[in-house]
């Protein structure tokens, strides 16, 4: 799994990677079942194989306002 994480980090640093370069890089990985998900660019399968979360919640809560500041 660390190989795949390092691979994903390197792909993130090279967003202009061609499809051929991407496929060659994935095929050179020792990633087992993860290789198929990477080649298919299947985010859901990759998430499942890496043990990721099904849902992620992001929220921004506003700070409490001081009611005395309205006076």
N, C-alpha and C. Protein backbone atom coordinates (compact mmCIF):
# COMPACT_ATOMS: atom_id res chain seq x y z
N UNK A 1 0.81 -1.20 0.00
CA UNK A 1 0.00 0.00 0.00
C UNK A 1 0.86 1.26 0.00
N UNK A 2 1.95 1.33 0.75
CA UNK A 2 2.77 2.55 0.68
C UNK A 2 3.23 2.87 -0.73
N UNK A 3 3.46 1.85 -1.57
CA UNK A 3 3.84 2.09 -2.96
C UNK A 3 2.76 2.89 -3.68
N UNK A 4 1.52 2.50 -3.45
CA UNK A 4 0.39 3.15 -4.13
C UNK A 4 0.24 4.59 -3.63
N UNK A 5 0.39 4.80 -2.35
CA UNK A 5 0.28 6.16 -1.80
C UNK A 5 1.37 7.04 -2.39
N UNK A 6 2.61 6.54 -2.44
CA UNK A 6 3.70 7.32 -3.04
C UNK A 6 3.42 7.58 -4.52
N UNK A 7 2.87 6.59 -5.20
CA UNK A 7 2.53 6.76 -6.62
C UNK A 7 1.49 7.88 -6.79
N UNK A 8 0.44 7.84 -5.98
CA UNK A 8 -0.61 8.86 -6.08
C UNK A 8 -0.05 10.25 -5.77
N UNK A 9 0.85 10.33 -4.80
CA UNK A 9 1.48 11.62 -4.50
C UNK A 9 2.29 12.11 -5.69
N UNK A 10 3.02 11.21 -6.34
CA UNK A 10 3.84 11.62 -7.49
C UNK A 10 2.97 12.04 -8.67
N UNK A 11 1.86 11.36 -8.88
CA UNK A 11 0.94 11.74 -9.96
C UNK A 11 0.36 13.12 -9.66
N UNK A 12 0.08 13.40 -8.40
CA UNK A 12 -0.44 14.72 -8.03
C UNK A 12 0.54 15.84 -8.30
N UNK A 13 1.83 15.52 -8.26
CA UNK A 13 2.85 16.54 -8.53
C UNK A 13 3.09 16.70 -10.03
N UNK A 14 2.57 15.77 -10.86
CA UNK A 14 2.76 15.82 -12.31
C UNK A 14 1.40 15.77 -13.01
N UNK A 15 0.59 16.79 -12.87
CA UNK A 15 -0.75 16.73 -13.45
C UNK A 15 -0.77 16.66 -14.97
N UNK A 16 0.33 16.98 -15.63
CA UNK A 16 0.37 16.96 -17.09
C UNK A 16 0.84 15.62 -17.63
N UNK A 17 0.83 14.58 -16.81
CA UNK A 17 1.28 13.25 -17.23
C UNK A 17 0.33 12.72 -18.32
N UNK A 18 0.91 12.23 -19.41
CA UNK A 18 0.08 11.69 -20.49
C UNK A 18 -0.52 10.35 -20.07
N UNK A 19 -1.54 9.92 -20.80
CA UNK A 19 -2.18 8.63 -20.51
C UNK A 19 -1.19 7.49 -20.65
N UNK A 20 -0.33 7.55 -21.66
CA UNK A 20 0.67 6.50 -21.86
C UNK A 20 1.68 6.46 -20.71
N UNK A 21 2.11 7.63 -20.25
CA UNK A 21 3.04 7.69 -19.12
C UNK A 21 2.38 7.16 -17.85
N UNK A 22 1.12 7.53 -17.65
CA UNK A 22 0.38 7.06 -16.48
C UNK A 22 0.27 5.53 -16.50
N UNK A 23 -0.17 4.98 -17.63
CA UNK A 23 -0.33 3.53 -17.74
C UNK A 23 0.99 2.80 -17.53
N UNK A 24 2.07 3.31 -18.09
CA UNK A 24 3.38 2.69 -17.92
C UNK A 24 3.80 2.74 -16.45
N UNK A 25 3.54 3.85 -15.79
CA UNK A 25 3.89 3.98 -14.38
C UNK A 25 3.09 3.00 -13.52
N UNK A 26 1.81 2.88 -13.80
CA UNK A 26 0.95 1.96 -13.03
C UNK A 26 1.41 0.52 -13.25
N UNK A 27 1.70 0.17 -14.49
CA UNK A 27 2.12 -1.21 -14.79
C UNK A 27 3.44 -1.57 -14.13
N UNK A 28 4.26 -0.58 -13.83
CA UNK A 28 5.55 -0.85 -13.18
C UNK A 28 5.41 -1.01 -11.66
N UNK A 29 4.25 -0.68 -11.12
CA UNK A 29 4.03 -0.77 -9.67
C UNK A 29 3.84 -2.21 -9.23
N UNK A 30 4.30 -2.50 -8.04
CA UNK A 30 4.01 -3.78 -7.40
C UNK A 30 2.79 -3.54 -6.52
N UNK A 31 1.61 -3.51 -7.16
CA UNK A 31 0.40 -3.08 -6.45
C UNK A 31 -0.71 -4.13 -6.42
N UNK A 32 -0.50 -5.29 -6.99
CA UNK A 32 -1.51 -6.34 -6.94
C UNK A 32 -2.86 -5.89 -7.47
N UNK A 33 -3.90 -6.10 -6.65
CA UNK A 33 -5.26 -5.76 -7.06
C UNK A 33 -5.46 -4.27 -7.25
N UNK A 34 -4.65 -3.47 -6.60
CA UNK A 34 -4.78 -2.03 -6.74
C UNK A 34 -4.43 -1.57 -8.15
N UNK A 35 -3.59 -2.33 -8.82
CA UNK A 35 -3.17 -1.95 -10.18
C UNK A 35 -4.37 -1.83 -11.11
N UNK A 36 -5.29 -2.78 -11.02
CA UNK A 36 -6.47 -2.75 -11.89
C UNK A 36 -7.30 -1.49 -11.63
N UNK A 37 -7.51 -1.15 -10.36
CA UNK A 37 -8.29 0.04 -10.02
C UNK A 37 -7.59 1.31 -10.52
N UNK A 38 -6.26 1.34 -10.42
CA UNK A 38 -5.51 2.49 -10.91
C UNK A 38 -5.60 2.61 -12.43
N UNK A 39 -5.44 1.48 -13.12
CA UNK A 39 -5.51 1.52 -14.58
C UNK A 39 -6.90 1.93 -15.07
N UNK A 40 -7.92 1.48 -14.35
CA UNK A 40 -9.29 1.83 -14.71
C UNK A 40 -9.68 3.22 -14.21
N UNK A 41 -8.79 3.81 -13.41
CA UNK A 41 -9.05 5.11 -12.78
C UNK A 41 -10.37 5.07 -12.02
N UNK A 42 -10.55 3.94 -11.32
CA UNK A 42 -11.77 3.68 -10.56
C UNK A 42 -11.58 4.12 -9.12
N UNK A 43 -11.99 5.33 -8.83
CA UNK A 43 -11.80 5.93 -7.51
C UNK A 43 -12.50 5.13 -6.43
N UNK A 44 -13.71 4.66 -6.68
CA UNK A 44 -14.47 3.92 -5.68
C UNK A 44 -13.77 2.60 -5.33
N UNK A 45 -13.31 1.87 -6.34
CA UNK A 45 -12.61 0.61 -6.09
C UNK A 45 -11.30 0.85 -5.35
N UNK A 46 -10.59 1.88 -5.74
CA UNK A 46 -9.32 2.22 -5.09
C UNK A 46 -9.56 2.58 -3.63
N UNK A 47 -10.58 3.37 -3.37
CA UNK A 47 -10.93 3.74 -2.01
C UNK A 47 -11.25 2.50 -1.17
N UNK A 48 -12.02 1.60 -1.72
CA UNK A 48 -12.40 0.36 -1.02
C UNK A 48 -11.17 -0.50 -0.74
N UNK A 49 -10.30 -0.67 -1.73
CA UNK A 49 -9.11 -1.50 -1.56
C UNK A 49 -8.13 -0.90 -0.55
N UNK A 50 -8.10 0.42 -0.45
CA UNK A 50 -7.21 1.08 0.50
C UNK A 50 -7.83 1.23 1.88
N UNK A 51 -9.09 0.80 2.01
CA UNK A 51 -9.76 0.89 3.31
C UNK A 51 -10.20 2.29 3.66
N UNK A 52 -10.54 3.07 2.65
CA UNK A 52 -10.97 4.45 2.88
C UNK A 52 -12.38 4.54 3.41
N UNK A 53 -12.77 5.73 3.71
CA UNK A 53 -14.12 5.98 4.22
C UNK A 53 -15.10 6.06 3.06
N UNK A 54 -16.32 5.67 3.34
CA UNK A 54 -17.35 5.74 2.30
C UNK A 54 -17.83 7.16 2.09
N UNK A 55 -17.96 7.91 3.16
CA UNK A 55 -18.43 9.28 3.06
C UNK A 55 -17.53 10.18 3.90
N UNK A 56 -17.35 11.36 3.43
CA UNK A 56 -16.58 12.35 4.15
C UNK A 56 -17.44 13.59 4.30
N UNK A 57 -17.51 14.09 5.50
CA UNK A 57 -18.32 15.28 5.77
C UNK A 57 -17.39 16.43 6.07
N UNK A 58 -17.65 17.54 5.44
CA UNK A 58 -16.87 18.74 5.67
C UNK A 58 -17.85 19.85 6.00
N UNK A 59 -17.63 20.52 7.10
CA UNK A 59 -18.52 21.60 7.49
C UNK A 59 -17.71 22.73 8.10
N UNK A 60 -18.20 23.93 7.92
CA UNK A 60 -17.60 25.10 8.56
C UNK A 60 -18.66 25.68 9.47
N UNK A 61 -18.33 25.75 10.74
CA UNK A 61 -19.27 26.31 11.71
C UNK A 61 -18.88 27.75 11.98
N UNK A 62 -19.87 28.62 11.96
CA UNK A 62 -19.61 30.03 12.24
C UNK A 62 -19.30 30.20 13.72
N UNK A 63 -18.40 31.10 14.01
CA UNK A 63 -18.06 31.39 15.40
C UNK A 63 -19.26 32.01 16.10
N UNK A 64 -19.36 31.74 17.39
CA UNK A 64 -20.45 32.36 18.16
C UNK A 64 -20.26 33.87 18.16
N UNK A 65 -21.35 34.55 17.92
CA UNK A 65 -21.28 36.02 17.95
C UNK A 65 -21.54 36.50 19.36
N UNK A 66 -20.89 37.58 19.71
CA UNK A 66 -21.08 38.19 21.02
C UNK A 66 -22.31 39.09 20.93
N UNK A 67 -23.38 38.74 21.66
CA UNK A 67 -24.61 39.54 21.55
C UNK A 67 -24.44 40.98 22.04
N UNK A 68 -23.47 41.23 22.89
CA UNK A 68 -23.28 42.59 23.39
C UNK A 68 -22.66 43.51 22.33
N UNK A 69 -22.14 42.94 21.25
CA UNK A 69 -21.54 43.76 20.20
C UNK A 69 -22.59 44.48 19.34
N UNK A 70 -23.85 44.07 19.45
CA UNK A 70 -24.92 44.70 18.69
C UNK A 70 -25.38 46.01 19.32
N UNK A 71 -24.97 46.30 20.51
CA UNK A 71 -25.43 47.50 21.24
C UNK A 71 -24.70 48.72 20.78
